[in-house]
Amino acid sequence: MFTLLGLVVAIVILLVIFIRQVDQYERGVVLTLGKYTGMKEPGWRIIIPIFQSMKKVDIRVKAVDVPSQEAITKDNISVQINAVIYYKISDSAKAILEVENFYYATSQLAQTTMRNVVGTTELDSLLARRDEVSSQIKEVIDAATDPWGIKVLNVELKDIGLNDEMKRVMGKQAEAEREKRAVIIRAEGEVAAAENMASAAKTLAAAPGALHLRTLQSINDLSSDQSNTTIWMIPLEVLRAVERIGDKLNRIDEAK
């Protein structure tokens, strides 16, 4: 009886020692006598102590927060830039066998790559086309980490910091650009108004009596105002008619 009980206890102890649990989001990399011998899927797996060892690899998507880095843009402007990288393990064996610490290595690679890519980009492009810069960083990191069994899913630039002097310069530049657009818009409005006035003048000149009607309409508009001042406008045609009458009277006097 005691022998059977001791055997059961021994088996339980051996199972506790030999069995390793691999969770659903993990994969187990097995080394036998120091040599890679296979991959363990999720579940309870038997590992023989001393002869075998197993390293678990988390295959879930990971986010690496790249700390703020100082970089020099292509047009020699100093910026502070940080980013976040999303990646996952595509080959657990490579992540263990090909690199010592894949998390640290990926973070360091991201920092150097971010500085290099920013160094080939001008500040205006960096601010206006942030998504394109992020894609460039992603492509470089993904190609470099592929031998490590790592798949880079996305890179997002979180913040691009400028010093106070550069912020003031950019503010002045933006203000000058707004003033430039305002001047252009005003000039375009004046050109359009001049064209409309020229067209109206041609229409009034081409139609007999049109200017007189326009004058009467203007007088009618003025009559609705509460002002005590009344403006009388004499059409140019009337002045010319008076001028012609004066010329005729002068010629008659001279004939006499």
C-alpha atoms as a PDB file:
ATOM      1  CA  MET A   1       0.000   0.000   0.000  1.00  0.00           C
ATOM      2  CA  PHE A   2       2.760   2.388   0.970  1.00  0.00           C
ATOM      3  CA  THR A   3       4.761   1.333  -2.085  1.00  0.00           C
ATOM      4  CA  LEU A   4       1.852   2.177  -4.426  1.00  0.00           C
ATOM      5  CA  LEU A   5       1.292   5.509  -2.712  1.00  0.00           C
ATOM      6  CA  GLY A   6       4.978   6.344  -2.974  1.00  0.00           C
ATOM      7  CA  LEU A   7       4.918   5.453  -6.674  1.00  0.00           C
ATOM      8  CA  VAL A   8       1.974   7.768  -7.283  1.00  0.00           C
ATOM      9  CA  VAL A   9       3.676  10.590  -5.419  1.00  0.00           C
ATOM     10  CA  ALA A  10       6.860  10.039  -7.415  1.00  0.00           C
ATOM     11  CA  ILE A  11       4.927  10.138 -10.700  1.00  0.00           C
ATOM     12  CA  VAL A  12       3.194  13.353  -9.675  1.00  0.00           C
ATOM     13  CA  ILE A  13       6.518  14.940  -8.738  1.00  0.00           C
ATOM     14  CA  LEU A  14       8.058  13.852 -12.044  1.00  0.00           C
ATOM     15  CA  LEU A  15       5.108  15.276 -13.982  1.00  0.00           C
ATOM     16  CA  VAL A  16       5.448  18.561 -12.145  1.00  0.00           C
ATOM     17  CA  ILE A  17       9.140  18.621 -12.997  1.00  0.00           C
ATOM     18  CA  PHE A  18       8.768  17.469 -16.625  1.00  0.00           C
ATOM     19  CA  ILE A  19       5.609  19.287 -17.732  1.00  0.00           C
ATOM     20  CA  ARG A  20       5.752  22.843 -19.039  1.00  0.00           C
ATOM     21  CA  GLN A  21       2.701  24.879 -19.991  1.00  0.00           C
ATOM     22  CA  VAL A  22       2.711  26.894 -23.201  1.00  0.00           C
ATOM     23  CA  ASP A  23      -0.084  29.484 -23.362  1.00  0.00           C
ATOM     24  CA  GLN A  24      -2.113  30.167 -26.499  1.00  0.00           C
ATOM     25  CA  TYR A  25      -0.229  33.376 -27.260  1.00  0.00           C
ATOM     26  CA  GLU A  26       3.178  31.706 -26.829  1.00  0.00           C
ATOM     27  CA  ARG A  27       5.441  29.315 -28.663  1.00  0.00           C
ATOM     28  CA  GLY A  28       8.140  27.194 -27.016  1.00  0.00           C
ATOM     29  CA  VAL A  29      11.607  26.944 -28.562  1.00  0.00           C
ATOM     30  CA  VAL A  30      13.155  23.633 -27.447  1.00  0.00           C
ATOM     31  CA  LEU A  31      16.899  23.052 -27.142  1.00  0.00           C
ATOM     32  CA  THR A  32      18.154  19.502 -26.566  1.00  0.00           C
ATOM     33  CA  LEU A  33      21.716  19.315 -25.290  1.00  0.00           C
ATOM     34  CA  GLY A  34      22.093  22.917 -26.478  1.00  0.00           C
ATOM     35  CA  LYS A  35      20.846  22.232 -30.017  1.00  0.00           C
ATOM     36  CA  TYR A  36      17.574  23.468 -31.472  1.00  0.00           C
ATOM     37  CA  THR A  37      15.269  20.488 -31.891  1.00  0.00           C
ATOM     38  CA  GLY A  38      11.785  21.869 -32.436  1.00  0.00           C
ATOM     39  CA  MET A  39       8.896  24.116 -31.539  1.00  0.00           C
ATOM     40  CA  LYS A  40       6.252  23.458 -28.928  1.00  0.00           C
ATOM     41  CA  GLU A  41       2.657  24.535 -29.615  1.00  0.00           C
ATOM     42  CA  PRO A  42       0.243  25.744 -26.884  1.00  0.00           C
ATOM     43  CA  GLY A  43      -0.682  23.186 -24.211  1.00  0.00           C
ATOM     44  CA  TRP A  44       1.095  20.984 -21.686  1.00  0.00           C
ATOM     45  CA  ARG A  45       4.437  19.814 -23.052  1.00  0.00           C
ATOM     46  CA  ILE A  46       6.988  17.393 -21.591  1.00  0.00           C
ATOM     47  CA  ILE A  47      10.507  18.755 -21.214  1.00  0.00           C
ATOM     48  CA  ILE A  48      13.242  16.531 -19.801  1.00  0.00           C
ATOM     49  CA  PRO A  49      15.265  18.549 -17.299  1.00  0.00           C
ATOM     50  CA  ILE A  50      19.050  18.767 -17.674  1.00  0.00           C
ATOM     51  CA  PHE A  51      18.866  17.394 -21.243  1.00  0.00           C
ATOM     52  CA  GLN A  52      16.305  19.840 -22.580  1.00  0.00           C
ATOM     53  CA  SER A  53      15.371  23.461 -22.091  1.00  0.00           C
ATOM     54  CA  MET A  54      12.517  25.537 -23.471  1.00  0.00           C
ATOM     55  CA  LYS A  55      12.307  29.280 -24.023  1.00  0.00           C
ATOM     56  CA  LYS A  56       8.861  30.773 -24.439  1.00  0.00           C
ATOM     57  CA  VAL A  57       8.270  33.481 -27.025  1.00  0.00           C
ATOM     58  CA  ASP A  58       5.292  35.824 -26.880  1.00  0.00           C
ATOM     59  CA  ILE A  59       3.886  36.128 -30.417  1.00  0.00           C
ATOM     60  CA  ARG A  60       1.394  38.901 -29.647  1.00  0.00           C
ATOM     61  CA  VAL A  61       1.745  42.326 -31.231  1.00  0.00           C
ATOM     62  CA  LYS A  62       4.178  44.464 -29.256  1.00  0.00           C
ATOM     63  CA  ALA A  63       4.546  48.228 -29.105  1.00  0.00           C
ATOM     64  CA  VAL A  64       7.996  49.740 -28.745  1.00  0.00           C
ATOM     65  CA  ASP A  65       8.009  53.334 -27.587  1.00  0.00           C
ATOM     66  CA  VAL A  66      11.071  54.881 -29.199  1.00  0.00           C
ATOM     67  CA  PRO A  67      12.317  57.613 -26.850  1.00  0.00           C
ATOM     68  CA  SER A  68      12.700  61.173 -28.086  1.00  0.00           C
ATOM     69  CA  GLN A  69      15.725  61.534 -30.333  1.00  0.00           C
ATOM     70  CA  GLU A  70      17.511  64.651 -31.556  1.00  0.00           C
ATOM     71  CA  ALA A  71      17.963  64.575 -35.304  1.00  0.00           C
ATOM     72  CA  ILE A  72      19.180  66.997 -37.976  1.00  0.00           C
ATOM     73  CA  THR A  73      17.001  67.376 -41.054  1.00  0.00           C
ATOM     74  CA  LYS A  74      18.354  67.663 -44.583  1.00  0.00           C
ATOM     75  CA  ASP A  75      18.136  71.480 -44.385  1.00  0.00           C
ATOM     76  CA  ASN A  76      20.182  71.492 -41.127  1.00  0.00           C
ATOM     77  CA  ILE A  77      17.355  72.074 -38.644  1.00  0.00           C
ATOM     78  CA  SER A  78      17.482  70.349 -35.255  1.00  0.00           C
ATOM     79  CA  VAL A  79      14.292  68.539 -34.230  1.00  0.00           C
ATOM     80  CA  GLN A  80      13.227  66.298 -31.373  1.00  0.00           C
ATOM     81  CA  ILE A  81      11.314  63.296 -32.676  1.00  0.00           C
ATOM     82  CA  ASN A  82       9.834  60.182 -31.102  1.00  0.00           C
ATOM     83  CA  ALA A  83       7.802  57.303 -32.452  1.00  0.00           C
ATOM     84  CA  VAL A  84       6.066  54.043 -31.610  1.00  0.00           C
ATOM     85  CA  ILE A  85       6.673  50.780 -33.484  1.00  0.00           C
ATOM     86  CA  TYR A  86       4.220  47.887 -33.675  1.00  0.00           C
ATOM     87  CA  TYR A  87       5.668  44.469 -34.471  1.00  0.00           C
ATOM     88  CA  LYS A  88       5.136  40.771 -33.836  1.00  0.00           C
ATOM     89  CA  ILE A  89       7.230  37.617 -33.901  1.00  0.00           C
ATOM     90  CA  SER A  90       6.730  35.723 -37.161  1.00  0.00           C
ATOM     91  CA  ASP A  91       9.388  33.054 -36.490  1.00  0.00           C
ATOM     92  CA  SER A  92       9.962  32.245 -32.825  1.00  0.00           C
ATOM     93  CA  ALA A  93      13.054  30.130 -33.469  1.00  0.00           C
ATOM     94  CA  LYS A  94      14.847  32.960 -35.285  1.00  0.00           C
ATOM     95  CA  ALA A  95      13.874  35.445 -32.568  1.00  0.00           C
ATOM     96  CA  ILE A  96      15.718  33.271 -30.029  1.00  0.00           C
ATOM     97  CA  LEU A  97      18.583  31.914 -32.133  1.00  0.00           C
ATOM     98  CA  GLU A  98      19.500  34.862 -34.376  1.00  0.00           C
ATOM     99  CA  VAL A  99      19.501  37.764 -31.902  1.00  0.00           C
ATOM    100  CA  GLU A 100      20.323  37.974 -28.206  1.00  0.00           C
ATOM    101  CA  ASN A 101      17.477  40.261 -27.122  1.00  0.00           C
ATOM    102  CA  PHE A 102      15.066  40.979 -29.937  1.00  0.00           C
ATOM    103  CA  TYR A 103      13.111  43.602 -27.971  1.00  0.00           C
ATOM    104  CA  TYR A 104      16.207  45.671 -27.152  1.00  0.00           C
ATOM    105  CA  ALA A 105      17.681  45.166 -30.615  1.00  0.00           C
ATOM    106  CA  THR A 106      14.500  46.349 -32.311  1.00  0.00           C
ATOM    107  CA  SER A 107      14.346  49.440 -30.126  1.00  0.00           C
ATOM    108  CA  GLN A 108      17.950  50.392 -30.871  1.00  0.00           C
ATOM    109  CA  LEU A 109      17.500  49.776 -34.589  1.00  0.00           C
ATOM    110  CA  ALA A 110      14.404  51.974 -34.589  1.00  0.00           C
ATOM    111  CA  GLN A 111      16.298  54.861 -32.979  1.00  0.00           C
ATOM    112  CA  THR A 112      19.159  54.831 -35.484  1.00  0.00           C
ATOM    113  CA  THR A 113      16.836  54.332 -38.461  1.00  0.00           C
ATOM    114  CA  MET A 114      14.609  57.210 -37.374  1.00  0.00           C
ATOM    115  CA  ARG A 115      17.581  59.575 -37.163  1.00  0.00           C
ATOM    116  CA  ASN A 116      18.894  58.442 -40.563  1.00  0.00           C
ATOM    117  CA  VAL A 117      15.570  58.857 -42.366  1.00  0.00           C
ATOM    118  CA  VAL A 118      14.945  62.271 -40.793  1.00  0.00           C
ATOM    119  CA  GLY A 119      18.435  63.300 -41.922  1.00  0.00           C
ATOM    120  CA  THR A 120      17.433  62.734 -45.557  1.00  0.00           C
ATOM    121  CA  THR A 121      14.189  64.741 -45.279  1.00  0.00           C
ATOM    122  CA  GLU A 122      13.645  68.492 -45.225  1.00  0.00           C
ATOM    123  CA  LEU A 123      11.649  69.989 -42.367  1.00  0.00           C
ATOM    124  CA  ASP A 124       8.685  71.026 -44.531  1.00  0.00           C
ATOM    125  CA  SER A 125       8.379  67.500 -45.928  1.00  0.00           C
ATOM    126  CA  LEU A 126       8.761  66.002 -42.451  1.00  0.00           C
ATOM    127  CA  LEU A 127       5.871  68.097 -41.125  1.00  0.00           C
ATOM    128  CA  ALA A 128       3.610  67.858 -44.177  1.00  0.00           C
ATOM    129  CA  ARG A 129       4.198  64.221 -45.167  1.00  0.00           C
ATOM    130  CA  ARG A 130       4.580  62.477 -41.839  1.00  0.00           C
ATOM    131  CA  ASP A 131       2.923  59.292 -43.109  1.00  0.00           C
ATOM    132  CA  GLU A 132       5.461  58.937 -45.921  1.00  0.00           C
ATOM    133  CA  VAL A 133       8.362  59.341 -43.485  1.00  0.00           C
ATOM    134  CA  SER A 134       6.788  56.734 -41.193  1.00  0.00           C
ATOM    135  CA  SER A 135       6.483  54.326 -44.142  1.00  0.00           C
ATOM    136  CA  GLN A 136      10.162  54.804 -44.992  1.00  0.00           C
ATOM    137  CA  ILE A 137      11.183  54.044 -41.417  1.00  0.00           C
ATOM    138  CA  LYS A 138       8.924  50.971 -41.385  1.00  0.00           C
ATOM    139  CA  GLU A 139      10.420  49.591 -44.605  1.00  0.00           C
ATOM    140  CA  VAL A 140      13.992  49.960 -43.352  1.00  0.00           C
ATOM    141  CA  ILE A 141      13.297  48.384 -39.946  1.00  0.00           C
ATOM    142  CA  ASP A 142      11.213  45.572 -41.447  1.00  0.00           C
ATOM    143  CA  ALA A 143      13.996  44.636 -43.870  1.00  0.00           C
ATOM    144  CA  ALA A 144      16.616  44.697 -41.106  1.00  0.00           C
ATOM    145  CA  THR A 145      14.580  42.628 -38.618  1.00  0.00           C
ATOM    146  CA  ASP A 146      13.373  40.022 -41.110  1.00  0.00           C
ATOM    147  CA  PRO A 147      16.398  37.723 -40.404  1.00  0.00           C
ATOM    148  CA  TRP A 148      15.396  37.897 -36.725  1.00  0.00           C
ATOM    149  CA  GLY A 149      11.921  36.526 -37.443  1.00  0.00           C
ATOM    150  CA  ILE A 150      10.248  39.853 -36.678  1.00  0.00           C
ATOM    151  CA  LYS A 151       7.498  41.438 -38.777  1.00  0.00           C
ATOM    152  CA  VAL A 152       7.088  45.195 -38.397  1.00  0.00           C
ATOM    153  CA  LEU A 153       3.406  46.084 -38.747  1.00  0.00           C
ATOM    154  CA  ASN A 154       3.420  49.856 -38.420  1.00  0.00           C
ATOM    155  CA  VAL A 155       5.488  52.872 -37.408  1.00  0.00           C
ATOM    156  CA  GLU A 156       3.844  56.063 -36.151  1.00  0.00           C
ATOM    157  CA  LEU A 157       5.654  59.336 -35.522  1.00  0.00           C
ATOM    158  CA  LYS A 158       4.181  60.619 -32.268  1.00  0.00           C
ATOM    159  CA  ASP A 159       5.668  64.075 -31.990  1.00  0.00           C
ATOM    160  CA  ILE A 160       8.070  66.381 -33.835  1.00  0.00           C
ATOM    161  CA  GLY A 161       9.474  69.027 -31.525  1.00  0.00           C
ATOM    162  CA  LEU A 162      11.088  72.320 -32.553  1.00  0.00           C
ATOM    163  CA  ASN A 163      12.978  74.848 -30.473  1.00  0.00           C
ATOM    164  CA  ASP A 164      11.355  78.178 -29.584  1.00  0.00           C
ATOM    165  CA  GLU A 165      13.349  80.183 -32.136  1.00  0.00           C
ATOM    166  CA  MET A 166      12.304  77.894 -34.982  1.00  0.00           C
ATOM    167  CA  LYS A 167       8.685  78.089 -33.850  1.00  0.00           C
ATOM    168  CA  ARG A 168       8.831  81.886 -34.044  1.00  0.00           C
ATOM    169  CA  VAL A 169      10.379  81.740 -37.513  1.00  0.00           C
ATOM    170  CA  MET A 170       7.711  79.339 -38.735  1.00  0.00           C
ATOM    171  CA  GLY A 171       5.011  81.553 -37.224  1.00  0.00           C
ATOM    172  CA  LYS A 172       6.345  84.585 -39.106  1.00  0.00           C
ATOM    173  CA  GLN A 173       6.555  82.538 -42.290  1.00  0.00           C
ATOM    174  CA  ALA A 174       2.955  81.377 -41.918  1.00  0.00           C
ATOM    175  CA  GLU A 175       1.803  84.961 -41.257  1.00  0.00           C
ATOM    176  CA  ALA A 176       3.643  86.212 -44.353  1.00  0.00           C
ATOM    177  CA  GLU A 177       2.074  83.440 -46.412  1.00  0.00           C
ATOM    178  CA  ARG A 178      -1.408  84.406 -45.199  1.00  0.00           C
ATOM    179  CA  GLU A 179      -0.771  88.071 -46.032  1.00  0.00           C
ATOM    180  CA  LYS A 180       0.443  87.049 -49.478  1.00  0.00           C
ATOM    181  CA  ARG A 181      -2.751  85.086 -50.125  1.00  0.00           C
ATOM    182  CA  ALA A 182      -4.860  88.013 -48.864  1.00  0.00           C
ATOM    183  CA  VAL A 183      -3.121  90.446 -51.255  1.00  0.00           C
ATOM    184  CA  ILE A 184      -3.600  88.059 -54.165  1.00  0.00           C
ATOM    185  CA  ILE A 185      -7.284  87.602 -53.351  1.00  0.00           C
ATOM    186  CA  ARG A 186      -7.819  91.373 -53.110  1.00  0.00           C
ATOM    187  CA  ALA A 187      -6.026  91.922 -56.417  1.00  0.00           C
ATOM    188  CA  GLU A 188      -8.110  89.240 -58.099  1.00  0.00           C
ATOM    189  CA  GLY A 189     -11.266  90.883 -56.711  1.00  0.00           C
ATOM    190  CA  GLU A 190     -10.234  94.284 -58.064  1.00  0.00           C
ATOM    191  CA  VAL A 191      -9.513  92.790 -61.494  1.00  0.00           C
ATOM    192  CA  ALA A 192     -12.915  91.096 -61.548  1.00  0.00           C
ATOM    193  CA  ALA A 193     -14.645  94.314 -60.447  1.00  0.00           C
ATOM    194  CA  ALA A 194     -12.835  96.323 -63.144  1.00  0.00           C
ATOM    195  CA  GLU A 195     -13.837  93.791 -65.793  1.00  0.00           C
ATOM    196  CA  ASN A 196     -17.468  93.949 -64.649  1.00  0.00           C
ATOM    197  CA  MET A 197     -17.444  97.757 -64.685  1.00  0.00           C
ATOM    198  CA  ALA A 198     -15.908  97.834 -68.166  1.00  0.00           C
ATOM    199  CA  SER A 199     -18.533  95.395 -69.398  1.00  0.00           C
ATOM    200  CA  ALA A 200     -21.335  97.485 -67.874  1.00  0.00           C
ATOM    201  CA  ALA A 201     -19.933 100.662 -69.419  1.00  0.00           C
ATOM    202  CA  LYS A 202     -19.852  99.032 -72.854  1.00  0.00           C
ATOM    203  CA  THR A 203     -23.456  97.892 -72.430  1.00  0.00           C
ATOM    204  CA  LEU A 204     -24.654 101.348 -71.365  1.00  0.00           C
ATOM    205  CA  ALA A 205     -22.765 103.039 -74.204  1.00  0.00           C
ATOM    206  CA  ALA A 206     -24.158 100.660 -76.805  1.00  0.00           C
ATOM    207  CA  ALA A 207     -27.829 101.181 -75.821  1.00  0.00           C
ATOM    208  CA  PRO A 208     -29.304 104.681 -76.480  1.00  0.00           C
ATOM    209  CA  GLY A 209     -30.926 106.158 -73.394  1.00  0.00           C
ATOM    210  CA  ALA A 210     -29.506 103.440 -71.117  1.00  0.00           C
ATOM    211  CA  LEU A 211     -27.338 105.935 -69.251  1.00  0.00           C
ATOM    212  CA  HIS A 212     -30.356 108.184 -68.638  1.00  0.00           C
ATOM    213  CA  LEU A 213     -32.294 105.288 -67.175  1.00  0.00           C
ATOM    214  CA  ARG A 214     -29.357 104.417 -64.981  1.00  0.00           C
ATOM    215  CA  THR A 215     -29.187 108.009 -63.785  1.00  0.00           C
ATOM    216  CA  LEU A 216     -32.894 108.041 -62.906  1.00  0.00           C
ATOM    217  CA  GLN A 217     -32.445 104.766 -61.041  1.00  0.00           C
ATOM    218  CA  SER A 218     -29.541 106.239 -59.052  1.00  0.00           C
ATOM    219  CA  ILE A 219     -31.636 109.323 -58.177  1.00  0.00           C
ATOM    220  CA  ASN A 220     -34.471 107.025 -57.052  1.00  0.00           C
ATOM    221  CA  ASP A 221     -32.064 105.116 -54.841  1.00  0.00           C
ATOM    222  CA  LEU A 222     -30.819 108.319 -53.267  1.00  0.00           C
ATOM    223  CA  SER A 223     -34.372 109.496 -52.549  1.00  0.00           C
ATOM    224  CA  SER A 224     -34.891 106.566 -50.157  1.00  0.00           C
ATOM    225  CA  ASP A 225     -32.002 107.728 -47.963  1.00  0.00           C
ATOM    226  CA  GLN A 226     -32.731 109.838 -44.855  1.00  0.00           C
ATOM    227  CA  SER A 227     -29.778 112.129 -45.572  1.00  0.00           C
ATOM    228  CA  ASN A 228     -30.386 115.831 -46.135  1.00  0.00           C
ATOM    229  CA  THR A 229     -27.807 115.958 -48.888  1.00  0.00           C
ATOM    230  CA  THR A 230     -28.986 115.290 -52.438  1.00  0.00           C
ATOM    231  CA  ILE A 231     -26.578 114.516 -55.226  1.00  0.00           C
ATOM    232  CA  TRP A 232     -27.521 115.369 -58.803  1.00  0.00           C
ATOM    233  CA  MET A 233     -25.597 113.578 -61.491  1.00  0.00           C
ATOM    234  CA  ILE A 234     -25.530 114.951 -65.028  1.00  0.00           C
ATOM    235  CA  PRO A 235     -24.809 112.371 -67.722  1.00  0.00           C
ATOM    236  CA  LEU A 236     -21.840 112.954 -69.924  1.00  0.00           C
ATOM    237  CA  GLU A 237     -24.102 113.020 -72.977  1.00  0.00           C
ATOM    238  CA  VAL A 238     -25.923 116.103 -71.609  1.00  0.00           C
ATOM    239  CA  LEU A 239     -22.658 117.931 -71.119  1.00  0.00           C
ATOM    240  CA  ARG A 240     -21.586 117.111 -74.637  1.00  0.00           C
ATOM    241  CA  ALA A 241     -24.943 118.282 -76.004  1.00  0.00           C
ATOM    242  CA  VAL A 242     -24.552 121.584 -74.140  1.00  0.00           C
ATOM    243  CA  GLU A 243     -21.040 121.851 -75.530  1.00  0.00           C
ATOM    244  CA  ARG A 244     -22.286 121.334 -79.074  1.00  0.00           C
ATOM    245  CA  ILE A 245     -25.024 123.986 -78.600  1.00  0.00           C
ATOM    246  CA  GLY A 246     -22.440 126.431 -77.313  1.00  0.00           C
ATOM    247  CA  ASP A 247     -20.248 125.804 -80.350  1.00  0.00           C
ATOM    248  CA  LYS A 248     -23.157 126.492 -82.704  1.00  0.00           C
ATOM    249  CA  LEU A 249     -24.022 129.729 -80.913  1.00  0.00           C
ATOM    250  CA  ASN A 250     -20.435 130.858 -81.183  1.00  0.00           C
ATOM    251  CA  ARG A 251     -20.381 130.161 -84.908  1.00  0.00           C
ATOM    252  CA  ILE A 252     -23.649 132.120 -85.385  1.00  0.00           C
ATOM    253  CA  ASP A 253     -22.171 135.102 -83.517  1.00  0.00           C
ATOM    254  CA  GLU A 254     -19.064 134.963 -85.611  1.00  0.00           C
ATOM    255  CA  ALA A 255     -21.174 134.868 -88.816  1.00  0.00           C
ATOM    256  CA  LYS A 256     -22.963 138.023 -87.783  1.00  0.00           C
END
